Amino acid sequence: MPDTVAATAALTGIAAAAQQGPGDTLRVVLLISMVGGALLAWFLLRGYGGGESADRPADAPARGASEDAGDANA
């Protein structure tokens, strides 16, 4: 009678070696997520740079504001 325990252990070891899991896929997903998060943060925060705009004086009215008393923006 053949030794089935050794054959079963060998087959189990081969099957376990073939199934390494999602390690590489998770690394790629995490890397892309981190790069995407950094780009999203840069895109959202780039408009909040410190200081006033160079092309508009600090006491100038906001864009679209009007000095006309009959205007809804007055």
PDB file of N, CA and C in Angstrom:
ATOM      1  N   MET A   1       0.860  -1.174   0.000  1.00  0.00           N
ATOM      2  CA  MET A   1       0.000   0.000   0.000  1.00  0.00           C
ATOM      3  C   MET A   1       0.907   1.237   0.000  1.00  0.00           C
ATOM      4  N   PRO A   2       0.642   2.211  -0.889  1.00  0.00           N
ATOM      5  CA  PRO A   2       1.481   3.397  -0.960  1.00  0.00           C
ATOM      6  C   PRO A   2       1.254   4.301   0.245  1.00  0.00           C
ATOM      7  N   ASP A   3       2.248   5.105   0.535  1.00  0.00           N
ATOM      8  CA  ASP A   3       2.166   6.031   1.671  1.00  0.00           C
ATOM      9  C   ASP A   3       1.369   7.262   1.241  1.00  0.00           C
ATOM     10  N   THR A   4       0.104   7.323   1.603  1.00  0.00           N
ATOM     11  CA  THR A   4      -0.769   8.425   1.180  1.00  0.00           C
ATOM     12  C   THR A   4      -0.519   9.699   1.972  1.00  0.00           C
ATOM     13  N   VAL A   5       0.028   9.585   3.160  1.00  0.00           N
ATOM     14  CA  VAL A   5       0.291  10.776   3.967  1.00  0.00           C
ATOM     15  C   VAL A   5       1.373  11.637   3.307  1.00  0.00           C
ATOM     16  N   ALA A   6       2.425  11.009   2.830  1.00  0.00           N
ATOM     17  CA  ALA A   6       3.508  11.756   2.175  1.00  0.00           C
ATOM     18  C   ALA A   6       3.030  12.361   0.867  1.00  0.00           C
ATOM     19  N   ALA A   7       2.235  11.623   0.107  1.00  0.00           N
ATOM     20  CA  ALA A   7       1.713  12.143  -1.166  1.00  0.00           C
ATOM     21  C   ALA A   7       0.764  13.315  -0.919  1.00  0.00           C
ATOM     22  N   THR A   8      -0.067  13.179   0.092  1.00  0.00           N
ATOM     23  CA  THR A   8      -0.998  14.269   0.428  1.00  0.00           C
ATOM     24  C   THR A   8      -0.235  15.502   0.884  1.00  0.00           C
ATOM     25  N   ALA A   9       0.802  15.326   1.673  1.00  0.00           N
ATOM     26  CA  ALA A   9       1.603  16.461   2.136  1.00  0.00           C
ATOM     27  C   ALA A   9       2.320  17.138   0.976  1.00  0.00           C
ATOM     28  N   ALA A  10       2.810  16.352   0.028  1.00  0.00           N
ATOM     29  CA  ALA A  10       3.495  16.922  -1.138  1.00  0.00           C
ATOM     30  C   ALA A  10       2.523  17.709  -2.004  1.00  0.00           C
ATOM     31  N   LEU A  11       1.339  17.144  -2.239  1.00  0.00           N
ATOM     32  CA  LEU A  11       0.333  17.843  -3.054  1.00  0.00           C
ATOM     33  C   LEU A  11      -0.165  19.115  -2.357  1.00  0.00           C
ATOM     34  N   THR A  12      -0.314  19.049  -1.055  1.00  0.00           N
ATOM     35  CA  THR A  12      -0.739  20.236  -0.299  1.00  0.00           C
ATOM     36  C   THR A  12       0.325  21.326  -0.368  1.00  0.00           C
ATOM     37  N   GLY A  13       1.579  20.931  -0.288  1.00  0.00           N
ATOM     38  CA  GLY A  13       2.666  21.908  -0.385  1.00  0.00           C
ATOM     39  C   GLY A  13       2.734  22.559  -1.751  1.00  0.00           C
ATOM     40  N   ILE A  14       2.508  21.775  -2.804  1.00  0.00           N
ATOM     41  CA  ILE A  14       2.503  22.327  -4.171  1.00  0.00           C
ATOM     42  C   ILE A  14       1.328  23.282  -4.353  1.00  0.00           C
ATOM     43  N   ALA A  15       0.167  22.913  -3.849  1.00  0.00           N
ATOM     44  CA  ALA A  15      -1.020  23.765  -3.974  1.00  0.00           C
ATOM     45  C   ALA A  15      -0.850  25.061  -3.192  1.00  0.00           C
ATOM     46  N   ALA A  16      -0.236  24.976  -2.024  1.00  0.00           N
ATOM     47  CA  ALA A  16      -0.021  26.188  -1.217  1.00  0.00           C
ATOM     48  C   ALA A  16       0.992  27.115  -1.884  1.00  0.00           C
ATOM     49  N   ALA A  17       1.993  26.553  -2.549  1.00  0.00           N
ATOM     50  CA  ALA A  17       2.991  27.375  -3.225  1.00  0.00           C
ATOM     51  C   ALA A  17       2.393  28.089  -4.432  1.00  0.00           C
ATOM     52  N   ALA A  18       1.402  27.494  -5.067  1.00  0.00           N
ATOM     53  CA  ALA A  18       0.780  28.101  -6.244  1.00  0.00           C
ATOM     54  C   ALA A  18      -0.145  29.251  -5.858  1.00  0.00           C
ATOM     55  N   GLN A  19      -0.654  29.253  -4.638  1.00  0.00           N
ATOM     56  CA  GLN A  19      -1.583  30.296  -4.201  1.00  0.00           C
ATOM     57  C   GLN A  19      -0.854  31.245  -3.249  1.00  0.00           C
ATOM     58  N   GLN A  20      -0.174  32.231  -3.806  1.00  0.00           N
ATOM     59  CA  GLN A  20       0.589  33.156  -2.977  1.00  0.00           C
ATOM     60  C   GLN A  20      -0.272  34.296  -2.435  1.00  0.00           C
ATOM     61  N   GLY A  21      -1.450  34.473  -2.958  1.00  0.00           N
ATOM     62  CA  GLY A  21      -2.332  35.513  -2.454  1.00  0.00           C
ATOM     63  C   GLY A  21      -2.244  36.776  -3.287  1.00  0.00           C
ATOM     64  N   PRO A  22      -2.990  37.798  -2.880  1.00  0.00           N
ATOM     65  CA  PRO A  22      -3.085  39.027  -3.663  1.00  0.00           C
ATOM     66  C   PRO A  22      -2.024  40.072  -3.307  1.00  0.00           C
ATOM     67  N   GLY A  23      -0.850  39.646  -2.913  1.00  0.00           N
ATOM     68  CA  GLY A  23       0.166  40.595  -2.450  1.00  0.00           C
ATOM     69  C   GLY A  23       0.582  41.612  -3.491  1.00  0.00           C
ATOM     70  N   ASP A  24       0.907  41.165  -4.706  1.00  0.00           N
ATOM     71  CA  ASP A  24       1.348  42.102  -5.746  1.00  0.00           C
ATOM     72  C   ASP A  24       0.222  43.040  -6.155  1.00  0.00           C
ATOM     73  N   THR A  25      -0.980  42.507  -6.268  1.00  0.00           N
ATOM     74  CA  THR A  25      -2.124  43.343  -6.651  1.00  0.00           C
ATOM     75  C   THR A  25      -2.390  44.410  -5.599  1.00  0.00           C
ATOM     76  N   LEU A  26      -2.336  44.047  -4.330  1.00  0.00           N
ATOM     77  CA  LEU A  26      -2.564  45.026  -3.275  1.00  0.00           C
ATOM     78  C   LEU A  26      -1.480  46.090  -3.248  1.00  0.00           C
ATOM     79  N   ARG A  27      -0.235  45.698  -3.524  1.00  0.00           N
ATOM     80  CA  ARG A  27       0.845  46.689  -3.582  1.00  0.00           C
ATOM     81  C   ARG A  27       0.590  47.697  -4.683  1.00  0.00           C
ATOM     82  N   VAL A  28       0.163  47.232  -5.849  1.00  0.00           N
ATOM     83  CA  VAL A  28      -0.113  48.135  -6.971  1.00  0.00           C
ATOM     84  C   VAL A  28      -1.283  49.051  -6.639  1.00  0.00           C
ATOM     85  N   VAL A  29      -2.343  48.493  -6.065  1.00  0.00           N
ATOM     86  CA  VAL A  29      -3.517  49.302  -5.713  1.00  0.00           C
ATOM     87  C   VAL A  29      -3.142  50.354  -4.677  1.00  0.00           C
ATOM     88  N   LEU A  30      -2.369  49.982  -3.671  1.00  0.00           N
ATOM     89  CA  LEU A  30      -1.962  50.953  -2.655  1.00  0.00           C
ATOM     90  C   LEU A  30      -1.073  52.046  -3.239  1.00  0.00           C
ATOM     91  N   LEU A  31      -0.160  51.679  -4.104  1.00  0.00           N
ATOM     92  CA  LEU A  31       0.719  52.668  -4.725  1.00  0.00           C
ATOM     93  C   LEU A  31      -0.069  53.656  -5.573  1.00  0.00           C
ATOM     94  N   ILE A  32      -0.972  53.154  -6.386  1.00  0.00           N
ATOM     95  CA  ILE A  32      -1.788  54.034  -7.223  1.00  0.00           C
ATOM     96  C   ILE A  32      -2.692  54.903  -6.364  1.00  0.00           C
ATOM     97  N   SER A  33      -3.238  54.359  -5.286  1.00  0.00           N
ATOM     98  CA  SER A  33      -4.092  55.149  -4.394  1.00  0.00           C
ATOM     99  C   SER A  33      -3.310  56.286  -3.733  1.00  0.00           C
ATOM    100  N   MET A  34      -2.096  55.990  -3.310  1.00  0.00           N
ATOM    101  CA  MET A  34      -1.299  57.027  -2.654  1.00  0.00           C
ATOM    102  C   MET A  34      -0.907  58.125  -3.643  1.00  0.00           C
ATOM    103  N   VAL A  35      -0.516  57.747  -4.848  1.00  0.00           N
ATOM    104  CA  VAL A  35      -0.174  58.748  -5.862  1.00  0.00           C
ATOM    105  C   VAL A  35      -1.411  59.562  -6.231  1.00  0.00           C
ATOM    106  N   GLY A  36      -2.541  58.899  -6.389  1.00  0.00           N
ATOM    107  CA  GLY A  36      -3.783  59.602  -6.702  1.00  0.00           C
ATOM    108  C   GLY A  36      -4.207  60.538  -5.579  1.00  0.00           C
ATOM    109  N   GLY A  37      -4.043  60.107  -4.342  1.00  0.00           N
ATOM    110  CA  GLY A  37      -4.377  60.979  -3.208  1.00  0.00           C
ATOM    111  C   GLY A  37      -3.480  62.202  -3.143  1.00  0.00           C
ATOM    112  N   ALA A  38      -2.204  62.013  -3.437  1.00  0.00           N
ATOM    113  CA  ALA A  38      -1.282  63.154  -3.445  1.00  0.00           C
ATOM    114  C   ALA A  38      -1.638  64.136  -4.561  1.00  0.00           C
ATOM    115  N   LEU A  39      -1.965  63.619  -5.734  1.00  0.00           N
ATOM    116  CA  LEU A  39      -2.358  64.504  -6.837  1.00  0.00           C
ATOM    117  C   LEU A  39      -3.674  65.218  -6.538  1.00  0.00           C
ATOM    118  N   LEU A  40      -4.617  64.527  -5.927  1.00  0.00           N
ATOM    119  CA  LEU A  40      -5.885  65.158  -5.560  1.00  0.00           C
ATOM    120  C   LEU A  40      -5.674  66.254  -4.527  1.00  0.00           C
ATOM    121  N   ALA A  41      -4.841  65.986  -3.527  1.00  0.00           N
ATOM    122  CA  ALA A  41      -4.554  67.005  -2.513  1.00  0.00           C
ATOM    123  C   ALA A  41      -3.871  68.211  -3.142  1.00  0.00           C
ATOM    124  N   TRP A  42      -2.926  67.974  -4.051  1.00  0.00           N
ATOM    125  CA  TRP A  42      -2.255  69.091  -4.718  1.00  0.00           C
ATOM    126  C   TRP A  42      -3.261  69.902  -5.520  1.00  0.00           C
ATOM    127  N   PHE A  43      -4.154  69.225  -6.258  1.00  0.00           N
ATOM    128  CA  PHE A  43      -5.137  69.918  -7.082  1.00  0.00           C
ATOM    129  C   PHE A  43      -6.086  70.749  -6.229  1.00  0.00           C
ATOM    130  N   LEU A  44      -6.529  70.198  -5.100  1.00  0.00           N
ATOM    131  CA  LEU A  44      -7.478  70.926  -4.259  1.00  0.00           C
ATOM    132  C   LEU A  44      -6.813  72.054  -3.479  1.00  0.00           C
ATOM    133  N   LEU A  45      -5.567  71.873  -3.080  1.00  0.00           N
ATOM    134  CA  LEU A  45      -4.908  72.862  -2.239  1.00  0.00           C
ATOM    135  C   LEU A  45      -4.117  73.908  -3.020  1.00  0.00           C
ATOM    136  N   ARG A  46      -3.964  73.743  -4.329  1.00  0.00           N
ATOM    137  CA  ARG A  46      -3.130  74.690  -5.070  1.00  0.00           C
ATOM    138  C   ARG A  46      -3.757  76.076  -5.128  1.00  0.00           C
ATOM    139  N   GLY A  47      -5.066  76.181  -5.001  1.00  0.00           N
ATOM    140  CA  GLY A  47      -5.729  77.467  -5.003  1.00  0.00           C
ATOM    141  C   GLY A  47      -5.644  78.175  -3.659  1.00  0.00           C
ATOM    142  N   TYR A  48      -5.187  77.495  -2.633  1.00  0.00           N
ATOM    143  CA  TYR A  48      -5.117  78.067  -1.303  1.00  0.00           C
ATOM    144  C   TYR A  48      -3.709  78.499  -0.930  1.00  0.00           C
ATOM    145  N   GLY A  49      -2.897  78.795  -1.934  1.00  0.00           N
ATOM    146  CA  GLY A  49      -1.539  79.267  -1.665  1.00  0.00           C
ATOM    147  C   GLY A  49      -1.592  80.580  -0.903  1.00  0.00           C
ATOM    148  N   GLY A  50      -0.625  80.833  -0.040  1.00  0.00           N
ATOM    149  CA  GLY A  50      -0.630  82.031   0.797  1.00  0.00           C
ATOM    150  C   GLY A  50      -0.452  83.312   0.001  1.00  0.00           C
ATOM    151  N   GLY A  51      -0.947  84.402   0.548  1.00  0.00           N
ATOM    152  CA  GLY A  51      -0.735  85.714  -0.053  1.00  0.00           C
ATOM    153  C   GLY A  51      -1.842  86.116  -1.001  1.00  0.00           C
ATOM    154  N   GLU A  52      -1.791  87.405  -1.363  1.00  0.00           N
ATOM    155  CA  GLU A  52      -2.761  87.960  -2.294  1.00  0.00           C
ATOM    156  C   GLU A  52      -2.320  87.707  -3.720  1.00  0.00           C
ATOM    157  N   SER A  53      -3.250  87.805  -4.626  1.00  0.00           N
ATOM    158  CA  SER A  53      -2.944  87.640  -6.040  1.00  0.00           C
ATOM    159  C   SER A  53      -2.155  88.849  -6.523  1.00  0.00           C
ATOM    160  N   ALA A  54      -1.198  88.636  -7.397  1.00  0.00           N
ATOM    161  CA  ALA A  54      -0.326  89.716  -7.869  1.00  0.00           C
ATOM    162  C   ALA A  54      -1.049  90.656  -8.825  1.00  0.00           C
ATOM    163  N   ASP A  55      -2.087  90.201  -9.515  1.00  0.00           N
ATOM    164  CA  ASP A  55      -2.752  91.040 -10.509  1.00  0.00           C
ATOM    165  C   ASP A  55      -3.925  91.828  -9.942  1.00  0.00           C
ATOM    166  N   ARG A  56      -4.235  91.709  -8.665  1.00  0.00           N
ATOM    167  CA  ARG A  56      -5.359  92.424  -8.069  1.00  0.00           C
ATOM    168  C   ARG A  56      -4.916  93.036  -6.743  1.00  0.00           C
ATOM    169  N   PRO A  57      -5.095  94.349  -6.580  1.00  0.00           N
ATOM    170  CA  PRO A  57      -4.732  94.959  -5.294  1.00  0.00           C
ATOM    171  C   PRO A  57      -5.623  94.434  -4.162  1.00  0.00           C
ATOM    172  N   ALA A  58      -5.131  94.541  -2.949  1.00  0.00           N
ATOM    173  CA  ALA A  58      -5.839  93.987  -1.790  1.00  0.00           C
ATOM    174  C   ALA A  58      -7.171  94.685  -1.534  1.00  0.00           C
ATOM    175  N   ASP A  59      -7.313  95.970  -1.889  1.00  0.00           N
ATOM    176  CA  ASP A  59      -8.551  96.690  -1.609  1.00  0.00           C
ATOM    177  C   ASP A  59      -9.519  96.680  -2.791  1.00  0.00           C
ATOM    178  N   ALA A  60      -9.236  95.962  -3.843  1.00  0.00           N
ATOM    179  CA  ALA A  60     -10.128  95.887  -5.001  1.00  0.00           C
ATOM    180  C   ALA A  60     -11.341  95.023  -4.658  1.00  0.00           C
ATOM    181  N   PRO A  61     -12.514  95.349  -5.216  1.00  0.00           N
ATOM    182  CA  PRO A  61     -13.692  94.530  -4.951  1.00  0.00           C
ATOM    183  C   PRO A  61     -13.558  93.158  -5.609  1.00  0.00           C
ATOM    184  N   ALA A  62     -14.329  92.237  -5.124  1.00  0.00           N
ATOM    185  CA  ALA A  62     -14.305  90.886  -5.673  1.00  0.00           C
ATOM    186  C   ALA A  62     -14.834  90.888  -7.094  1.00  0.00           C
ATOM    187  N   ARG A  63     -14.483  89.891  -7.859  1.00  0.00           N
ATOM    188  CA  ARG A  63     -14.922  89.800  -9.246  1.00  0.00           C
ATOM    189  C   ARG A  63     -16.445  89.702  -9.288  1.00  0.00           C
ATOM    190  N   GLY A  64     -17.065  90.497 -10.126  1.00  0.00           N
ATOM    191  CA  GLY A  64     -18.509  90.488 -10.268  1.00  0.00           C
ATOM    192  C   GLY A  64     -19.199  91.483  -9.350  1.00  0.00           C
ATOM    193  N   ALA A  65     -18.492  92.071  -8.406  1.00  0.00           N
ATOM    194  CA  ALA A  65     -19.103  93.059  -7.515  1.00  0.00           C
ATOM    195  C   ALA A  65     -19.313  94.364  -8.268  1.00  0.00           C
ATOM    196  N   SER A  66     -20.329  95.082  -7.891  1.00  0.00           N
ATOM    197  CA  SER A  66     -20.674  96.324  -8.570  1.00  0.00           C
ATOM    198  C   SER A  66     -20.852  97.439  -7.551  1.00  0.00           C
ATOM    199  N   GLU A  67     -20.551  98.653  -7.967  1.00  0.00           N
ATOM    200  CA  GLU A  67     -20.738  99.828  -7.113  1.00  0.00           C
ATOM    201  C   GLU A  67     -22.121 100.438  -7.312  1.00  0.00           C
ATOM    202  N   ASP A  68     -22.907  99.937  -8.248  1.00  0.00           N
ATOM    203  CA  ASP A  68     -24.213 100.492  -8.558  1.00  0.00           C
ATOM    204  C   ASP A  68     -25.198 100.131  -7.440  1.00  0.00           C
ATOM    205  N   ALA A  69     -25.931 101.130  -6.945  1.00  0.00           N
ATOM    206  CA  ALA A  69     -26.854 100.904  -5.836  1.00  0.00           C
ATOM    207  C   ALA A  69     -28.038 100.056  -6.265  1.00  0.00           C
ATOM    208  N   GLY A  70     -28.413 100.081  -7.560  1.00  0.00           N
ATOM    209  CA  GLY A  70     -29.549  99.306  -8.026  1.00  0.00           C
ATOM    210  C   GLY A  70     -29.194  97.866  -8.344  1.00  0.00           C
ATOM    211  N   ASP A  71     -27.945  97.550  -8.270  1.00  0.00           N
ATOM    212  CA  ASP A  71     -27.508  96.213  -8.598  1.00  0.00           C
ATOM    213  C   ASP A  71     -27.714  95.289  -7.390  1.00  0.00           C
ATOM    214  N   ALA A  72     -28.018  94.052  -7.655  1.00  0.00           N
ATOM    215  CA  ALA A  72     -28.259  93.087  -6.574  1.00  0.00           C
ATOM    216  C   ALA A  72     -26.960  92.775  -5.822  1.00  0.00           C
ATOM    217  N   ASN A  73     -25.804  93.037  -6.451  1.00  0.00           N
ATOM    218  CA  ASN A  73     -24.531  92.768  -5.801  1.00  0.00           C
ATOM    219  C   ASN A  73     -24.036  93.921  -4.942  1.00  0.00           C
ATOM    220  N   ALA A  74     -24.786  95.005  -4.905  1.00  0.00           N
ATOM    221  CA  ALA A  74     -24.320  96.180  -4.184  1.00  0.00           C
ATOM    222  C   ALA A  74     -24.328  95.987  -2.696  1.00  0.00           C
TER     223      ALA A  74
END
